[in-house]
Amino acid sequence: MAVKLRLTRVGKTKQPQYRIVAADSRSPRDGRFIQIVGTYNPRTEPSTVTVDNAKAVKWLMDGAQPTERVKKLLEVSGAWEEFTAARAAK
Protein backbone atom coordinates (compact mmCIF):
# COMPACT_ATOMS: atom_id res chain seq x y z
CA MET A 1 0.00 0.00 0.00
CA ALA A 2 1.42 3.36 -1.04
CA VAL A 3 0.90 5.93 1.72
CA LYS A 4 0.79 9.68 1.12
CA LEU A 5 0.79 12.56 3.54
CA ARG A 6 -1.81 14.91 2.12
CA LEU A 7 -4.53 17.43 2.93
CA THR A 8 -8.18 16.55 3.42
CA ARG A 9 -10.76 19.33 3.45
CA VAL A 10 -13.06 19.98 6.41
CA GLY A 11 -15.14 23.02 7.26
CA LYS A 12 -18.20 24.73 5.89
CA THR A 13 -18.82 25.93 2.35
CA LYS A 14 -16.47 28.80 1.44
CA GLN A 15 -14.65 28.36 4.79
CA PRO A 16 -12.01 25.69 4.21
CA GLN A 17 -9.87 24.12 6.88
CA TYR A 18 -7.64 21.14 6.27
CA ARG A 19 -6.33 18.12 8.12
CA ILE A 20 -2.92 16.71 7.30
CA VAL A 21 -3.48 12.97 7.09
CA ALA A 22 -1.66 9.78 6.22
CA ALA A 23 -3.84 8.04 3.61
CA ASP A 24 -3.67 5.33 0.99
CA SER A 25 -2.80 7.01 -2.30
CA ARG A 26 -5.77 5.33 -4.02
CA SER A 27 -8.41 6.71 -1.64
CA PRO A 28 -10.31 9.92 -2.55
CA ARG A 29 -9.30 13.33 -1.17
CA ASP A 30 -11.88 13.40 1.62
CA GLY A 31 -12.17 9.63 1.92
CA ARG A 32 -10.73 7.12 4.33
CA PHE A 33 -7.43 7.93 6.01
CA ILE A 34 -5.09 6.05 8.31
CA GLN A 35 -4.10 8.73 10.83
CA ILE A 36 -4.44 12.47 11.40
CA VAL A 37 -0.99 14.08 11.58
CA GLY A 38 -1.98 17.75 11.95
CA THR A 39 -4.20 20.63 10.89
CA TYR A 40 -3.88 23.65 8.60
CA ASN A 41 -6.12 26.73 8.62
CA PRO A 42 -5.32 29.13 5.75
CA ARG A 43 -8.08 31.59 6.73
CA THR A 44 -6.37 32.97 9.85
CA GLU A 45 -3.80 35.74 9.63
CA PRO A 46 -1.11 34.39 9.67
CA SER A 47 -2.09 30.86 8.60
CA THR A 48 -2.25 28.33 11.45
CA VAL A 49 -0.31 25.08 11.10
CA THR A 50 -0.22 22.47 13.87
CA VAL A 51 1.66 19.25 13.20
CA ASP A 52 2.51 16.35 15.50
CA ASN A 53 6.15 16.15 14.41
CA ALA A 54 6.69 12.69 15.93
CA LYS A 55 3.83 11.19 13.87
CA ALA A 56 4.95 13.00 10.71
CA VAL A 57 8.56 11.82 11.04
CA LYS A 58 7.39 8.25 11.77
CA TRP A 59 5.31 8.19 8.57
CA LEU A 60 8.11 9.73 6.51
CA MET A 61 10.62 7.20 7.87
CA ASP A 62 8.17 4.40 6.95
CA GLY A 63 8.14 5.63 3.34
CA ALA A 64 5.11 7.91 3.11
CA GLN A 65 5.39 10.51 0.33
CA PRO A 66 4.18 14.05 1.10
CA THR A 67 2.38 16.16 -1.49
CA GLU A 68 4.01 19.47 -2.46
CA ARG A 69 1.79 21.55 -0.16
CA VAL A 70 2.23 19.17 2.80
CA LYS A 71 6.00 19.20 2.32
CA LYS A 72 5.96 23.01 2.60
CA LEU A 73 3.79 22.81 5.74
CA LEU A 74 6.16 20.24 7.26
CA GLU A 75 9.08 22.58 6.54
CA VAL A 76 7.24 25.39 8.35
CA SER A 77 6.53 23.19 11.37
CA GLY A 78 10.07 21.82 11.57
CA ALA A 79 9.13 18.18 10.98
CA TRP A 80 10.98 18.06 7.65
CA GLU A 81 14.27 19.03 9.31
CA GLU A 82 13.75 16.34 11.97
CA PHE A 83 13.14 13.80 9.21
CA THR A 84 16.24 14.73 7.21
CA ALA A 85 18.36 14.66 10.38
CA ALA A 86 16.99 11.23 11.36
CA ARG A 87 17.52 9.90 7.83
CA ALA A 88 21.11 11.19 7.77
CA ALA A 89 21.85 9.60 11.14
CA LYS A 90 20.59 6.24 9.96
PDB file of N, CA and C in Angstrom:
ATOM      1  N   MET A   1       0.845  -1.178   0.000  1.00  0.00           N
ATOM      2  CA  MET A   1       0.000   0.000   0.000  1.00  0.00           C
ATOM      3  C   MET A   1       0.887   1.235   0.000  1.00  0.00           C
ATOM      4  N   ALA A   2       0.672   2.117  -0.944  1.00  0.00           N
ATOM      5  CA  ALA A   2       1.421   3.364  -1.035  1.00  0.00           C
ATOM      6  C   ALA A   2       0.727   4.419  -0.174  1.00  0.00           C
ATOM      7  N   VAL A   3       1.462   4.946   0.797  1.00  0.00           N
ATOM      8  CA  VAL A   3       0.895   5.928   1.720  1.00  0.00           C
ATOM      9  C   VAL A   3       1.385   7.313   1.337  1.00  0.00           C
ATOM     10  N   LYS A   4       0.464   8.279   1.379  1.00  0.00           N
ATOM     11  CA  LYS A   4       0.790   9.679   1.116  1.00  0.00           C
ATOM     12  C   LYS A   4       0.396  10.513   2.321  1.00  0.00           C
ATOM     13  N   LEU A   5       1.186  11.532   2.589  1.00  0.00           N
ATOM     14  CA  LEU A   5       0.793  12.562   3.544  1.00  0.00           C
ATOM     15  C   LEU A   5       0.164  13.661   2.707  1.00  0.00           C
ATOM     16  N   ARG A   6      -1.115  13.945   2.948  1.00  0.00           N
ATOM     17  CA  ARG A   6      -1.814  14.914   2.124  1.00  0.00           C
ATOM     18  C   ARG A   6      -2.876  15.642   2.930  1.00  0.00           C
ATOM     19  N   LEU A   7      -3.497  16.638   2.284  1.00  0.00           N
ATOM     20  CA  LEU A   7      -4.534  17.428   2.930  1.00  0.00           C
ATOM     21  C   LEU A   7      -5.904  16.846   2.631  1.00  0.00           C
ATOM     22  N   THR A   8      -6.776  16.876   3.625  1.00  0.00           N
ATOM     23  CA  THR A   8      -8.179  16.547   3.419  1.00  0.00           C
ATOM     24  C   THR A   8      -8.994  17.728   3.922  1.00  0.00           C
ATOM     25  N   ARG A   9     -10.015  18.106   3.163  1.00  0.00           N
ATOM     26  CA  ARG A   9     -10.759  19.334   3.452  1.00  0.00           C
ATOM     27  C   ARG A   9     -11.863  19.078   4.460  1.00  0.00           C
ATOM     28  N   VAL A  10     -11.951  19.963   5.456  1.00  0.00           N
ATOM     29  CA  VAL A  10     -13.058  19.981   6.407  1.00  0.00           C
ATOM     30  C   VAL A  10     -13.530  21.423   6.503  1.00  0.00           C
ATOM     31  N   GLY A  11     -14.651  21.657   7.130  1.00  0.00           N
ATOM     32  CA  GLY A  11     -15.143  23.018   7.261  1.00  0.00           C
ATOM     33  C   GLY A  11     -16.346  23.261   6.382  1.00  0.00           C
ATOM     34  N   LYS A  12     -16.991  24.397   6.617  1.00  0.00           N
ATOM     35  CA  LYS A  12     -18.204  24.729   5.893  1.00  0.00           C
ATOM     36  C   LYS A  12     -17.888  25.220   4.482  1.00  0.00           C
ATOM     37  N   THR A  13     -18.947  25.398   3.698  1.00  0.00           N
ATOM     38  CA  THR A  13     -18.817  25.926   2.349  1.00  0.00           C
ATOM     39  C   THR A  13     -18.179  27.308   2.392  1.00  0.00           C
ATOM     40  N   LYS A  14     -17.203  27.530   1.538  1.00  0.00           N
ATOM     41  CA  LYS A  14     -16.466  28.800   1.439  1.00  0.00           C
ATOM     42  C   LYS A  14     -15.613  29.120   2.668  1.00  0.00           C
ATOM     43  N   GLN A  15     -15.475  28.159   3.599  1.00  0.00           N
ATOM     44  CA  GLN A  15     -14.655  28.358   4.788  1.00  0.00           C
ATOM     45  C   GLN A  15     -13.771  27.125   5.004  1.00  0.00           C
ATOM     46  N   PRO A  16     -12.786  26.925   4.137  1.00  0.00           N
ATOM     47  CA  PRO A  16     -12.010  25.689   4.209  1.00  0.00           C
ATOM     48  C   PRO A  16     -11.041  25.652   5.386  1.00  0.00           C
ATOM     49  N   GLN A  17     -10.926  24.478   5.949  1.00  0.00           N
ATOM     50  CA  GLN A  17      -9.873  24.122   6.881  1.00  0.00           C
ATOM     51  C   GLN A  17      -9.409  22.751   6.424  1.00  0.00           C
ATOM     52  N   TYR A  18      -8.193  22.394   6.765  1.00  0.00           N
ATOM     53  CA  TYR A  18      -7.643  21.140   6.268  1.00  0.00           C
ATOM     54  C   TYR A  18      -7.028  20.342   7.399  1.00  0.00           C
ATOM     55  N   ARG A  19      -7.073  19.028   7.257  1.00  0.00           N
ATOM     56  CA  ARG A  19      -6.332  18.119   8.118  1.00  0.00           C
ATOM     57  C   ARG A  19      -5.180  17.565   7.297  1.00  0.00           C
ATOM     58  N   ILE A  20      -4.049  17.398   7.931  1.00  0.00           N
ATOM     59  CA  ILE A  20      -2.922  16.714   7.303  1.00  0.00           C
ATOM     60  C   ILE A  20      -3.048  15.255   7.735  1.00  0.00           C
ATOM     61  N   VAL A  21      -3.221  14.362   6.769  1.00  0.00           N
ATOM     62  CA  VAL A  21      -3.482  12.967   7.087  1.00  0.00           C
ATOM     63  C   VAL A  21      -2.523  12.046   6.341  1.00  0.00           C
ATOM     64  N   ALA A  22      -2.336  10.869   6.906  1.00  0.00           N
ATOM     65  CA  ALA A  22      -1.663   9.779   6.216  1.00  0.00           C
ATOM     66  C   ALA A  22      -2.773   8.927   5.612  1.00  0.00           C
ATOM     67  N   ALA A  23      -2.768   8.776   4.297  1.00  0.00           N
ATOM     68  CA  ALA A  23      -3.839   8.045   3.615  1.00  0.00           C
ATOM     69  C   ALA A  23      -3.273   7.192   2.491  1.00  0.00           C
ATOM     70  N   ASP A  24      -4.005   6.145   2.148  1.00  0.00           N
ATOM     71  CA  ASP A  24      -3.668   5.328   0.991  1.00  0.00           C
ATOM     72  C   ASP A  24      -3.785   6.212  -0.252  1.00  0.00           C
ATOM     73  N   SER A  25      -2.822   6.131  -1.135  1.00  0.00           N
ATOM     74  CA  SER A  25      -2.802   7.010  -2.303  1.00  0.00           C
ATOM     75  C   SER A  25      -3.990   6.785  -3.231  1.00  0.00           C
ATOM     76  N   ARG A  26      -4.645   5.630  -3.143  1.00  0.00           N
ATOM     77  CA  ARG A  26      -5.771   5.333  -4.020  1.00  0.00           C
ATOM     78  C   ARG A  26      -7.100   5.849  -3.478  1.00  0.00           C
ATOM     79  N   SER A  27      -7.149   6.249  -2.216  1.00  0.00           N
ATOM     80  CA  SER A  27      -8.411   6.713  -1.644  1.00  0.00           C
ATOM     81  C   SER A  27      -8.693   8.154  -2.072  1.00  0.00           C
ATOM     82  N   PRO A  28      -9.980   8.561  -2.120  1.00  0.00           N
ATOM     83  CA  PRO A  28     -10.309   9.924  -2.555  1.00  0.00           C
ATOM     84  C   PRO A  28      -9.845  10.975  -1.551  1.00  0.00           C
ATOM     85  N   ARG A  29      -9.840  12.235  -1.978  1.00  0.00           N
ATOM     86  CA  ARG A  29      -9.296  13.333  -1.167  1.00  0.00           C
ATOM     87  C   ARG A  29      -9.906  13.382   0.227  1.00  0.00           C
ATOM     88  N   ASP A  30     -11.215  13.320   0.331  1.00  0.00           N
ATOM     89  CA  ASP A  30     -11.875  13.403   1.622  1.00  0.00           C
ATOM     90  C   ASP A  30     -12.349  12.038   2.103  1.00  0.00           C
ATOM     91  N   GLY A  31     -11.755  10.984   1.580  1.00  0.00           N
ATOM     92  CA  GLY A  31     -12.172   9.631   1.925  1.00  0.00           C
ATOM     93  C   GLY A  31     -11.446   9.101   3.152  1.00  0.00           C
ATOM     94  N   ARG A  32     -11.334   7.803   3.189  1.00  0.00           N
ATOM     95  CA  ARG A  32     -10.734   7.116   4.327  1.00  0.00           C
ATOM     96  C   ARG A  32      -9.259   7.489   4.475  1.00  0.00           C
ATOM     97  N   PHE A  33      -8.835   7.660   5.733  1.00  0.00           N
ATOM     98  CA  PHE A  33      -7.432   7.931   6.014  1.00  0.00           C
ATOM     99  C   PHE A  33      -6.967   7.019   7.130  1.00  0.00           C
ATOM    100  N   ILE A  34      -5.666   6.939   7.301  1.00  0.00           N
ATOM    101  CA  ILE A  34      -5.092   6.050   8.305  1.00  0.00           C
ATOM    102  C   ILE A  34      -4.929   6.781   9.635  1.00  0.00           C
ATOM    103  N   GLN A  35      -4.366   7.997   9.592  1.00  0.00           N
ATOM    104  CA  GLN A  35      -4.097   8.731  10.826  1.00  0.00           C
ATOM    105  C   GLN A  35      -4.043  10.227  10.534  1.00  0.00           C
ATOM    106  N   ILE A  36      -4.541  11.021  11.497  1.00  0.00           N
ATOM    107  CA  ILE A  36      -4.441  12.473  11.403  1.00  0.00           C
ATOM    108  C   ILE A  36      -3.086  12.886  11.966  1.00  0.00           C
ATOM    109  N   VAL A  37      -2.331  13.650  11.181  1.00  0.00           N
ATOM    110  CA  VAL A  37      -0.994  14.084  11.580  1.00  0.00           C
ATOM    111  C   VAL A  37      -1.008  15.531  12.073  1.00  0.00           C
ATOM    112  N   GLY A  38      -1.924  16.351  11.542  1.00  0.00           N
ATOM    113  CA  GLY A  38      -1.980  17.747  11.954  1.00  0.00           C
ATOM    114  C   GLY A  38      -3.140  18.469  11.292  1.00  0.00           C
ATOM    115  N   THR A  39      -3.154  19.802  11.478  1.00  0.00           N
ATOM    116  CA  THR A  39      -4.196  20.631  10.886  1.00  0.00           C
ATOM    117  C   THR A  39      -3.566  21.856  10.241  1.00  0.00           C
ATOM    118  N   TYR A  40      -4.326  22.448   9.304  1.00  0.00           N
ATOM    119  CA  TYR A  40      -3.881  23.649   8.600  1.00  0.00           C
ATOM    120  C   TYR A  40      -5.098  24.526   8.368  1.00  0.00           C
ATOM    121  N   ASN A  41      -5.032  25.781   8.817  1.00  0.00           N
ATOM    122  CA  ASN A  41      -6.116  26.733   8.618  1.00  0.00           C
ATOM    123  C   ASN A  41      -5.575  27.938   7.862  1.00  0.00           C
ATOM    124  N   PRO A  42      -5.853  28.026   6.550  1.00  0.00           N
ATOM    125  CA  PRO A  42      -5.322  29.135   5.755  1.00  0.00           C
ATOM    126  C   PRO A  42      -6.099  30.439   5.930  1.00  0.00           C
ATOM    127  N   ARG A  43      -7.226  30.408   6.625  1.00  0.00           N
ATOM    128  CA  ARG A  43      -8.077  31.593   6.728  1.00  0.00           C
ATOM    129  C   ARG A  43      -7.656  32.532   7.849  1.00  0.00           C
ATOM    130  N   THR A  44      -6.824  32.085   8.781  1.00  0.00           N
ATOM    131  CA  THR A  44      -6.368  32.970   9.846  1.00  0.00           C
ATOM    132  C   THR A  44      -5.206  33.815   9.342  1.00  0.00           C
ATOM    133  N   GLU A  45      -4.912  34.875  10.038  1.00  0.00           N
ATOM    134  CA  GLU A  45      -3.796  35.741   9.630  1.00  0.00           C
ATOM    135  C   GLU A  45      -2.805  35.826  10.771  1.00  0.00           C
ATOM    136  N   PRO A  46      -1.640  35.264  10.725  1.00  0.00           N
ATOM    137  CA  PRO A  46      -1.108  34.394   9.670  1.00  0.00           C
ATOM    138  C   PRO A  46      -1.744  32.996   9.715  1.00  0.00           C
ATOM    139  N   SER A  47      -1.527  32.214   8.684  1.00  0.00           N
ATOM    140  CA  SER A  47      -2.087  30.864   8.603  1.00  0.00           C
ATOM    141  C   SER A  47      -1.631  30.030   9.791  1.00  0.00           C
ATOM    142  N   THR A  48      -2.535  29.178  10.291  1.00  0.00           N
ATOM    143  CA  THR A  48      -2.250  28.334  11.446  1.00  0.00           C
ATOM    144  C   THR A  48      -1.888  26.929  10.974  1.00  0.00           C
ATOM    145  N   VAL A  49      -0.735  26.435  11.420  1.00  0.00           N
ATOM    146  CA  VAL A  49      -0.311  25.079  11.104  1.00  0.00           C
ATOM    147  C   VAL A  49       0.054  24.397  12.413  1.00  0.00           C
ATOM    148  N   THR A  50      -0.597  23.277  12.714  1.00  0.00           N
ATOM    149  CA  THR A  50      -0.225  22.469  13.870  1.00  0.00           C
ATOM    150  C   THR A  50       0.058  21.061  13.373  1.00  0.00           C
ATOM    151  N   VAL A  51       1.242  20.575  13.663  1.00  0.00           N
ATOM    152  CA  VAL A  51       1.658  19.245  13.203  1.00  0.00           C
ATOM    153  C   VAL A  51       2.251  18.491  14.374  1.00  0.00           C
ATOM    154  N   ASP A  52       1.863  17.230  14.534  1.00  0.00           N
ATOM    155  CA  ASP A  52       2.507  16.348  15.497  1.00  0.00           C
ATOM    156  C   ASP A  52       3.776  15.834  14.811  1.00  0.00           C
ATOM    157  N   ASN A  53       4.896  16.464  15.116  1.00  0.00           N
ATOM    158  CA  ASN A  53       6.147  16.151  14.414  1.00  0.00           C
ATOM    159  C   ASN A  53       6.551  14.693  14.566  1.00  0.00           C
ATOM    160  N   ALA A  54       6.309  14.087  15.728  1.00  0.00           N
ATOM    161  CA  ALA A  54       6.688  12.688  15.930  1.00  0.00           C
ATOM    162  C   ALA A  54       5.928  11.780  14.959  1.00  0.00           C
ATOM    163  N   LYS A  55       4.625  12.014  14.806  1.00  0.00           N
ATOM    164  CA  LYS A  55       3.834  11.195  13.872  1.00  0.00           C
ATOM    165  C   LYS A  55       4.286  11.424  12.441  1.00  0.00           C
ATOM    166  N   ALA A  56       4.538  12.684  12.085  1.00  0.00           N
ATOM    167  CA  ALA A  56       4.946  12.997  10.713  1.00  0.00           C
ATOM    168  C   ALA A  56       6.280  12.334  10.381  1.00  0.00           C
ATOM    169  N   VAL A  57       7.238  12.427  11.281  1.00  0.00           N
ATOM    170  CA  VAL A  57       8.556  11.825  11.041  1.00  0.00           C
ATOM    171  C   VAL A  57       8.432  10.305  10.960  1.00  0.00           C
ATOM    172  N   LYS A  58       7.586   9.705  11.812  1.00  0.00           N
ATOM    173  CA  LYS A  58       7.386   8.252  11.769  1.00  0.00           C
ATOM    174  C   LYS A  58       6.863   7.828  10.397  1.00  0.00           C
ATOM    175  N   TRP A  59       5.856   8.548   9.875  1.00  0.00           N
ATOM    176  CA  TRP A  59       5.313   8.191   8.572  1.00  0.00           C
ATOM    177  C   TRP A  59       6.330   8.402   7.459  1.00  0.00           C
ATOM    178  N   LEU A  60       7.092   9.481   7.537  1.00  0.00           N
ATOM    179  CA  LEU A  60       8.110   9.730   6.510  1.00  0.00           C
ATOM    180  C   LEU A  60       9.198   8.660   6.553  1.00  0.00           C
ATOM    181  N   MET A  61       9.600   8.246   7.748  1.00  0.00           N
ATOM    182  CA  MET A  61      10.617   7.201   7.869  1.00  0.00           C
ATOM    183  C   MET A  61      10.088   5.857   7.344  1.00  0.00           C
ATOM    184  N   ASP A  62       8.777   5.644   7.450  1.00  0.00           N
ATOM    185  CA  ASP A  62       8.172   4.404   6.949  1.00  0.00           C
ATOM    186  C   ASP A  62       7.922   4.440   5.446  1.00  0.00           C
ATOM    187  N   GLY A  63       8.236   5.569   4.791  1.00  0.00           N
ATOM    188  CA  GLY A  63       8.144   5.626   3.336  1.00  0.00           C
ATOM    189  C   GLY A  63       6.981   6.418   2.776  1.00  0.00           C
ATOM    190  N   ALA A  64       6.229   7.110   3.612  1.00  0.00           N
ATOM    191  CA  ALA A  64       5.114   7.914   3.108  1.00  0.00           C
ATOM    192  C   ALA A  64       5.646   9.093   2.304  1.00  0.00           C
ATOM    193  N   GLN A  65       4.975   9.407   1.202  1.00  0.00           N
ATOM    194  CA  GLN A  65       5.390  10.505   0.332  1.00  0.00           C
ATOM    195  C   GLN A  65       4.475  11.708   0.562  1.00  0.00           C
ATOM    196  N   PRO A  66       5.030  12.868   0.923  1.00  0.00           N
ATOM    197  CA  PRO A  66       4.178  14.050   1.098  1.00  0.00           C
ATOM    198  C   PRO A  66       3.862  14.714  -0.237  1.00  0.00           C
ATOM    199  N   THR A  67       2.699  15.349  -0.315  1.00  0.00           N
ATOM    200  CA  THR A  67       2.381  16.160  -1.485  1.00  0.00           C
ATOM    201  C   THR A  67       3.204  17.445  -1.394  1.00  0.00           C
ATOM    202  N   GLU A  68       3.210  18.235  -2.453  1.00  0.00           N
ATOM    203  CA  GLU A  68       4.010  19.466  -2.460  1.00  0.00           C
ATOM    204  C   GLU A  68       3.595  20.412  -1.341  1.00  0.00           C
ATOM    205  N   ARG A  69       2.287  20.628  -1.185  1.00  0.00           N
ATOM    206  CA  ARG A  69       1.786  21.547  -0.161  1.00  0.00           C
ATOM    207  C   ARG A  69       2.110  21.036   1.246  1.00  0.00           C
ATOM    208  N   VAL A  70       1.944  19.741   1.477  1.00  0.00           N
ATOM    209  CA  VAL A  70       2.226  19.174   2.798  1.00  0.00           C
ATOM    210  C   VAL A  70       3.716  19.263   3.097  1.00  0.00           C
ATOM    211  N   LYS A  71       4.560  19.078   2.097  1.00  0.00           N
ATOM    212  CA  LYS A  71       6.001  19.200   2.322  1.00  0.00           C
ATOM    213  C   LYS A  71       6.348  20.615   2.794  1.00  0.00           C
ATOM    214  N   LYS A  72       5.718  21.631   2.181  1.00  0.00           N
ATOM    215  CA  LYS A  72       5.956  23.014   2.602  1.00  0.00           C
ATOM    216  C   LYS A  72       5.471  23.236   4.028  1.00  0.00           C
ATOM    217  N   LEU A  73       4.316  22.659   4.377  1.00  0.00           N
ATOM    218  CA  LEU A  73       3.793  22.808   5.735  1.00  0.00           C
ATOM    219  C   LEU A  73       4.685  22.096   6.745  1.00  0.00           C
ATOM    220  N   LEU A  74       5.246  20.954   6.366  1.00  0.00           N
ATOM    221  CA  LEU A  74       6.165  20.240   7.256  1.00  0.00           C
ATOM    222  C   LEU A  74       7.459  21.027   7.451  1.00  0.00           C
ATOM    223  N   GLU A  75       7.894  21.728   6.406  1.00  0.00           N
ATOM    224  CA  GLU A  75       9.077  22.578   6.543  1.00  0.00           C
ATOM    225  C   GLU A  75       8.812  23.728   7.505  1.00  0.00           C
ATOM    226  N   VAL A  76       7.610  24.307   7.439  1.00  0.00           N
ATOM    227  CA  VAL A  76       7.242  25.390   8.346  1.00  0.00           C
ATOM    228  C   VAL A  76       7.201  24.906   9.789  1.00  0.00           C
ATOM    229  N   SER A  77       6.673  23.703  10.014  1.00  0.00           N
ATOM    230  CA  SER A  77       6.529  23.186  11.374  1.00  0.00           C
ATOM    231  C   SER A  77       7.833  22.644  11.950  1.00  0.00           C
ATOM    232  N   GLY A  78       8.803  22.362  11.103  1.00  0.00           N
ATOM    233  CA  GLY A  78      10.074  21.816  11.570  1.00  0.00           C
ATOM    234  C   GLY A  78      10.178  20.306  11.469  1.00  0.00           C
ATOM    235  N   ALA A  79       9.113  19.644  11.077  1.00  0.00           N
ATOM    236  CA  ALA A  79       9.129  18.183  10.981  1.00  0.00           C
ATOM    237  C   ALA A  79      10.038  17.706   9.860  1.00  0.00           C
ATOM    238  N   TRP A  80      10.143  18.473   8.780  1.00  0.00           N
ATOM    239  CA  TRP A  80      10.982  18.057   7.653  1.00  0.00           C
ATOM    240  C   TRP A  80      12.450  18.037   8.054  1.00  0.00           C
ATOM    241  N   GLU A  81      12.879  19.013   8.846  1.00  0.00           N
ATOM    242  CA  GLU A  81      14.274  19.034   9.311  1.00  0.00           C
ATOM    243  C   GLU A  81      14.557  17.849  10.230  1.00  0.00           C
ATOM    244  N   GLU A  82      13.584  17.510  11.106  1.00  0.00           N
ATOM    245  CA  GLU A  82      13.751  16.345  11.971  1.00  0.00           C
ATOM    246  C   GLU A  82      13.882  15.077  11.145  1.00  0.00           C
ATOM    247  N   PHE A  83      13.083  14.973  10.085  1.00  0.00           N
ATOM    248  CA  PHE A  83      13.136  13.801   9.208  1.00  0.00           C
ATOM    249  C   PHE A  83      14.482  13.692   8.499  1.00  0.00           C
ATOM    250  N   THR A  84      14.964  14.795   7.927  1.00  0.00           N
ATOM    251  CA  THR A  84      16.238  14.734   7.210  1.00  0.00           C
ATOM    252  C   THR A  84      17.396  14.434   8.167  1.00  0.00           C
ATOM    253  N   ALA A  85      17.316  14.955   9.403  1.00  0.00           N
ATOM    254  CA  ALA A  85      18.363  14.658  10.382  1.00  0.00           C
ATOM    255  C   ALA A  85      18.316  13.185  10.785  1.00  0.00           C
ATOM    256  N   ALA A  86      17.121  12.644  10.980  1.00  0.00           N
ATOM    257  CA  ALA A  86      16.994  11.235  11.359  1.00  0.00           C
ATOM    258  C   ALA A  86      17.425  10.320  10.218  1.00  0.00           C
ATOM    259  N   ARG A  87      17.118  10.711   8.995  1.00  0.00           N
ATOM    260  CA  ARG A  87      17.520   9.902   7.832  1.00  0.00           C
ATOM    261  C   ARG A  87      19.035   9.934   7.656  1.00  0.00           C
ATOM    262  N   ALA A  88      19.659  11.084   7.905  1.00  0.00           N
ATOM    263  CA  ALA A  88      21.111  11.191   7.767  1.00  0.00           C
ATOM    264  C   ALA A  88      21.819  10.396   8.848  1.00  0.00           C
ATOM    265  N   ALA A  89      21.232  10.321  10.035  1.00  0.00           N
ATOM    266  CA  ALA A  89      21.850   9.603  11.144  1.00  0.00           C
ATOM    267  C   ALA A  89      21.737   8.099  10.983  1.00  0.00           C
ATOM    268  N   LYS A  90      20.823   7.665  10.149  1.00  0.00           N
ATOM    269  CA  LYS A  90      20.589   6.237   9.956  1.00  0.00           C
ATOM    270  C   LYS A  90      21.684   5.556   9.224  1.00  0.00           C
TER     271      LYS A  90
END
